[in-house]
Amino acid sequence: MPYIDFVSSLHKATKRDYIGRIISDDKAECAKIAKKYGYDYWEGDRKYGYGGYKYDGRWRKVAEKLADHYRLKPGQKVLDIGCGMAHLLYELTQVTVG
């Protein structure tokens, strides 16, 4: 089966201060809070998980590539395990291949 990469272009386009994020906070303490998967993880400070992230539509291009590649039609089902905040799944509901 050939290797298909739908995400790298999106990932490479995002500017992140990886080193700054690694050394800025006590990772063990952040992990304790994040593992609760509560408000702090989803909506709290970014150091605990997804918090502070406002969706800006960036997954639309990935959804379009997936829908085109797999010829997804309205009403078909997609299983996404570990989808986080489900931005990609949302975008898949918005794009279709005719």
Protein backbone atom coordinates (compact mmCIF):
# COMPACT_ATOMS: atom_id res chain seq x y z
CA MET A 1 0.00 0.00 0.00
CA PRO A 2 1.48 3.40 -0.94
CA TYR A 3 2.21 6.00 1.70
CA ILE A 4 -0.28 8.88 1.57
CA ASP A 5 0.38 12.05 3.56
CA PHE A 6 -2.55 14.40 4.02
CA VAL A 7 -1.23 16.37 6.99
CA SER A 8 2.44 17.35 6.56
CA SER A 9 1.76 20.48 4.51
CA LEU A 10 -0.54 21.77 7.25
CA HIS A 11 1.87 20.83 10.02
CA LYS A 12 4.87 22.47 8.32
CA ALA A 13 2.92 25.69 7.69
CA THR A 14 2.32 26.25 11.42
CA LYS A 15 4.94 28.26 13.32
CA ARG A 16 5.61 26.88 16.78
CA ASP A 17 8.15 27.63 19.46
CA TYR A 18 8.75 23.99 20.39
CA ILE A 19 11.69 24.66 22.71
CA GLY A 20 9.86 27.47 24.49
CA ARG A 21 6.85 25.24 25.11
CA ILE A 22 9.05 22.44 26.42
CA ILE A 23 10.94 24.50 28.99
CA SER A 24 8.25 26.99 30.03
CA ASP A 25 6.27 24.83 32.47
CA ASP A 26 6.57 21.84 34.80
CA LYS A 27 5.54 19.06 32.38
CA ALA A 28 4.78 16.54 35.14
CA GLU A 29 2.34 18.96 36.77
CA CYS A 30 0.77 19.85 33.43
CA ALA A 31 0.35 16.16 32.62
CA LYS A 32 -1.51 15.54 35.90
CA ILE A 33 -4.04 18.20 34.97
CA ALA A 34 -4.24 17.20 31.30
CA LYS A 35 -4.90 13.53 32.12
CA LYS A 36 -8.18 14.52 33.77
CA TYR A 37 -9.47 15.55 30.30
CA GLY A 38 -11.62 18.19 31.95
CA TYR A 39 -12.14 21.89 31.33
CA ASP A 40 -8.45 22.72 31.70
CA TYR A 41 -7.49 20.23 28.99
CA TRP A 42 -10.10 21.31 26.44
CA GLU A 43 -10.65 25.00 27.21
CA GLY A 44 -8.06 26.08 29.79
CA ASP A 45 -4.47 27.21 29.34
CA ARG A 46 -2.70 25.82 26.26
CA LYS A 47 -0.01 24.21 28.44
CA TYR A 48 -2.55 21.58 29.56
CA GLY A 49 -3.73 20.49 26.14
CA TYR A 50 -6.02 22.05 23.55
CA GLY A 51 -6.99 24.98 25.71
CA GLY A 52 -6.80 28.48 24.32
CA TYR A 53 -7.04 27.16 20.78
CA LYS A 54 -9.60 28.83 18.55
CA TYR A 55 -10.37 26.89 15.40
CA ASP A 56 -9.52 28.85 12.27
CA GLY A 57 -10.54 26.47 9.48
CA ARG A 58 -7.06 25.06 8.85
CA TRP A 59 -8.31 21.45 8.59
CA ARG A 60 -10.54 22.26 5.59
CA LYS A 61 -7.74 21.57 3.06
CA VAL A 62 -6.97 18.22 4.68
CA ALA A 63 -10.67 17.29 4.64
CA GLU A 64 -10.90 18.19 0.96
CA LYS A 65 -7.89 15.97 0.16
CA LEU A 66 -9.33 13.06 2.15
CA ALA A 67 -12.79 13.42 0.62
CA ASP A 68 -11.32 13.57 -2.86
CA HIS A 69 -8.92 10.66 -2.37
CA TYR A 70 -11.53 8.35 -0.84
CA ARG A 71 -14.42 9.72 -2.93
CA LEU A 72 -16.48 10.42 0.18
CA LYS A 73 -20.14 11.17 -0.41
CA PRO A 74 -22.69 12.91 1.85
CA GLY A 75 -24.03 10.49 4.44
CA GLN A 76 -21.08 8.11 4.40
CA LYS A 77 -19.46 7.32 7.73
CA VAL A 78 -15.88 7.95 8.84
CA LEU A 79 -14.35 6.52 12.02
CA ASP A 80 -11.78 8.81 13.63
CA ILE A 81 -10.18 7.43 16.75
CA GLY A 82 -8.56 10.02 18.98
CA CYS A 83 -9.97 13.00 17.09
CA GLY A 84 -9.38 15.52 19.86
CA MET A 85 -11.71 18.44 19.29
CA ALA A 86 -12.96 16.91 16.00
CA HIS A 87 -12.10 19.81 13.73
CA LEU A 88 -11.21 17.46 10.88
CA LEU A 89 -14.46 15.54 11.35
CA TYR A 90 -16.40 18.79 11.26
CA GLU A 91 -14.70 19.77 8.01
CA LEU A 92 -15.43 16.36 6.51
CA THR A 93 -19.13 17.05 7.08
CA GLN A 94 -18.72 20.27 5.09
CA VAL A 95 -16.91 18.91 2.02
CA THR A 96 -18.17 16.35 -0.46
CA VAL A 97 -17.02 14.85 -3.70
CA GLY A 98 -19.64 15.06 -6.43
